Amino acid sequence: MKASFVIYTKPNCCLCLEAKKVLRKAQESVAFEFVEQDILADWELYQQYKEAIPVLMNGKEEWFRLRFSSAEFVKKFKAAGC
């Protein structure tokens, strides 16, 4: 079973687009899936994150916020034994 992540985003977010590219690049090295969740569709998420996106979640654990690289993701992924 592949590990699964959620990335909190919103429309017209340049950092969010960059983060999704980073995740797709990381998928070349390790097997995982990710789904995008628009914080504007969930008032509680919007109140929690507003401008502090993207946020990458592994279950209930926040892995990254704003900027991260594919190398950082892969390192953390392997260290977590995903």
C-alpha atoms as a PDB file:
ATOM      1  CA  MET A   1       0.000   0.000   0.000  1.00  0.00           C
ATOM      2  CA  LYS A   2       1.341   3.406  -0.980  1.00  0.00           C
ATOM      3  CA  ALA A   3       1.653   6.163   1.583  1.00  0.00           C
ATOM      4  CA  SER A   4      -0.938   8.875   1.110  1.00  0.00           C
ATOM      5  CA  PHE A   5      -0.604  12.596   1.772  1.00  0.00           C
ATOM      6  CA  VAL A   6      -2.905  15.600   1.642  1.00  0.00           C
ATOM      7  CA  ILE A   7      -1.703  18.965   0.422  1.00  0.00           C
ATOM      8  CA  TYR A   8      -3.764  21.960   1.507  1.00  0.00           C
ATOM      9  CA  THR A   9      -3.925  24.561  -1.254  1.00  0.00           C
ATOM     10  CA  LYS A  10      -6.101  27.288  -2.699  1.00  0.00           C
ATOM     11  CA  PRO A  11      -6.643  28.673  -6.201  1.00  0.00           C
ATOM     12  CA  ASN A  12      -4.064  31.038  -7.710  1.00  0.00           C
ATOM     13  CA  CYS A  13      -1.400  30.065  -5.176  1.00  0.00           C
ATOM     14  CA  CYS A  14       2.052  30.062  -6.775  1.00  0.00           C
ATOM     15  CA  LEU A  15       3.659  28.264  -3.833  1.00  0.00           C
ATOM     16  CA  CYS A  16       0.975  25.582  -4.075  1.00  0.00           C
ATOM     17  CA  LEU A  17       1.749  24.981  -7.746  1.00  0.00           C
ATOM     18  CA  GLU A  18       5.440  24.748  -6.897  1.00  0.00           C
ATOM     19  CA  ALA A  19       4.773  22.286  -4.061  1.00  0.00           C
ATOM     20  CA  LYS A  20       2.744  20.002  -6.359  1.00  0.00           C
ATOM     21  CA  LYS A  21       5.639  19.991  -8.845  1.00  0.00           C
ATOM     22  CA  VAL A  22       8.009  19.106  -5.988  1.00  0.00           C
ATOM     23  CA  LEU A  23       5.758  16.208  -4.978  1.00  0.00           C
ATOM     24  CA  ARG A  24       5.533  14.907  -8.547  1.00  0.00           C
ATOM     25  CA  LYS A  25       9.342  15.007  -8.761  1.00  0.00           C
ATOM     26  CA  ALA A  26       9.603  13.124  -5.430  1.00  0.00           C
ATOM     27  CA  GLN A  27       7.308  10.437  -6.869  1.00  0.00           C
ATOM     28  CA  GLU A  28      10.141   9.578  -9.250  1.00  0.00           C
ATOM     29  CA  SER A  29      12.150   8.411  -6.203  1.00  0.00           C
ATOM     30  CA  VAL A  30       9.582   7.018  -3.751  1.00  0.00           C
ATOM     31  CA  ALA A  31       6.069   5.566  -4.083  1.00  0.00           C
ATOM     32  CA  PHE A  32       3.278   7.672  -2.589  1.00  0.00           C
ATOM     33  CA  GLU A  33       0.053   9.361  -3.529  1.00  0.00           C
ATOM     34  CA  PHE A  34      -1.205  12.803  -2.712  1.00  0.00           C
ATOM     35  CA  VAL A  35      -4.548  14.526  -2.929  1.00  0.00           C
ATOM     36  CA  GLU A  36      -5.174  18.229  -3.040  1.00  0.00           C
ATOM     37  CA  GLN A  37      -7.637  19.884  -0.685  1.00  0.00           C
ATOM     38  CA  ASP A  38      -8.753  23.462  -1.312  1.00  0.00           C
ATOM     39  CA  ILE A  39      -8.871  25.298   2.026  1.00  0.00           C
ATOM     40  CA  LEU A  40     -11.514  27.673   0.630  1.00  0.00           C
ATOM     41  CA  ALA A  41     -13.943  24.738   0.575  1.00  0.00           C
ATOM     42  CA  ASP A  42     -13.548  24.176   4.335  1.00  0.00           C
ATOM     43  CA  TRP A  43     -14.032  27.131   6.694  1.00  0.00           C
ATOM     44  CA  GLU A  44     -12.077  25.512   9.552  1.00  0.00           C
ATOM     45  CA  LEU A  45      -9.079  24.771   7.316  1.00  0.00           C
ATOM     46  CA  TYR A  46      -9.218  28.289   5.944  1.00  0.00           C
ATOM     47  CA  GLN A  47      -9.236  29.766   9.453  1.00  0.00           C
ATOM     48  CA  GLN A  48      -6.308  27.560  10.453  1.00  0.00           C
ATOM     49  CA  TYR A  49      -4.047  28.097   7.428  1.00  0.00           C
ATOM     50  CA  LYS A  50      -5.226  31.222   5.513  1.00  0.00           C
ATOM     51  CA  GLU A  51      -1.979  32.462   3.917  1.00  0.00           C
ATOM     52  CA  ALA A  52       0.294  29.755   5.377  1.00  0.00           C
ATOM     53  CA  ILE A  53      -0.089  27.352   2.487  1.00  0.00           C
ATOM     54  CA  PRO A  54       0.738  24.981   0.995  1.00  0.00           C
ATOM     55  CA  VAL A  55       0.701  22.571   3.911  1.00  0.00           C
ATOM     56  CA  LEU A  56       1.576  18.911   3.413  1.00  0.00           C
ATOM     57  CA  MET A  57      -0.051  16.491   5.834  1.00  0.00           C
ATOM     58  CA  ASN A  58       0.772  12.854   6.544  1.00  0.00           C
ATOM     59  CA  GLY A  59      -2.358  11.788   8.359  1.00  0.00           C
ATOM     60  CA  LYS A  60      -2.725  14.322  11.175  1.00  0.00           C
ATOM     61  CA  GLU A  61       0.980  15.203  11.166  1.00  0.00           C
ATOM     62  CA  GLU A  62       2.097  18.344   9.392  1.00  0.00           C
ATOM     63  CA  TRP A  63       5.201  17.536   7.366  1.00  0.00           C
ATOM     64  CA  PHE A  64       5.871  20.785   5.542  1.00  0.00           C
ATOM     65  CA  ARG A  65       4.499  24.295   5.288  1.00  0.00           C
ATOM     66  CA  LEU A  66       5.149  26.832   2.518  1.00  0.00           C
ATOM     67  CA  ARG A  67       8.356  25.758   0.733  1.00  0.00           C
ATOM     68  CA  PHE A  68      10.114  22.387   0.626  1.00  0.00           C
ATOM     69  CA  SER A  69      12.235  20.493  -1.859  1.00  0.00           C
ATOM     70  CA  SER A  70      11.823  17.025  -3.301  1.00  0.00           C
ATOM     71  CA  ALA A  71      15.092  16.031  -1.596  1.00  0.00           C
ATOM     72  CA  GLU A  72      13.738  17.174   1.790  1.00  0.00           C
ATOM     73  CA  PHE A  73      10.528  15.238   1.202  1.00  0.00           C
ATOM     74  CA  VAL A  74      12.315  12.044   0.142  1.00  0.00           C
ATOM     75  CA  LYS A  75      14.682  12.238   3.134  1.00  0.00           C
ATOM     76  CA  LYS A  76      11.794  12.637   5.591  1.00  0.00           C
ATOM     77  CA  PHE A  77       9.759   9.955   3.775  1.00  0.00           C
ATOM     78  CA  LYS A  78      12.564   7.411   4.072  1.00  0.00           C
ATOM     79  CA  ALA A  79      13.343   8.350   7.685  1.00  0.00           C
ATOM     80  CA  ALA A  80       9.667   7.835   8.588  1.00  0.00           C
ATOM     81  CA  GLY A  81       9.699   4.389   6.979  1.00  0.00           C
ATOM     82  CA  CYS A  82       6.735   5.181   4.775  1.00  0.00           C
END
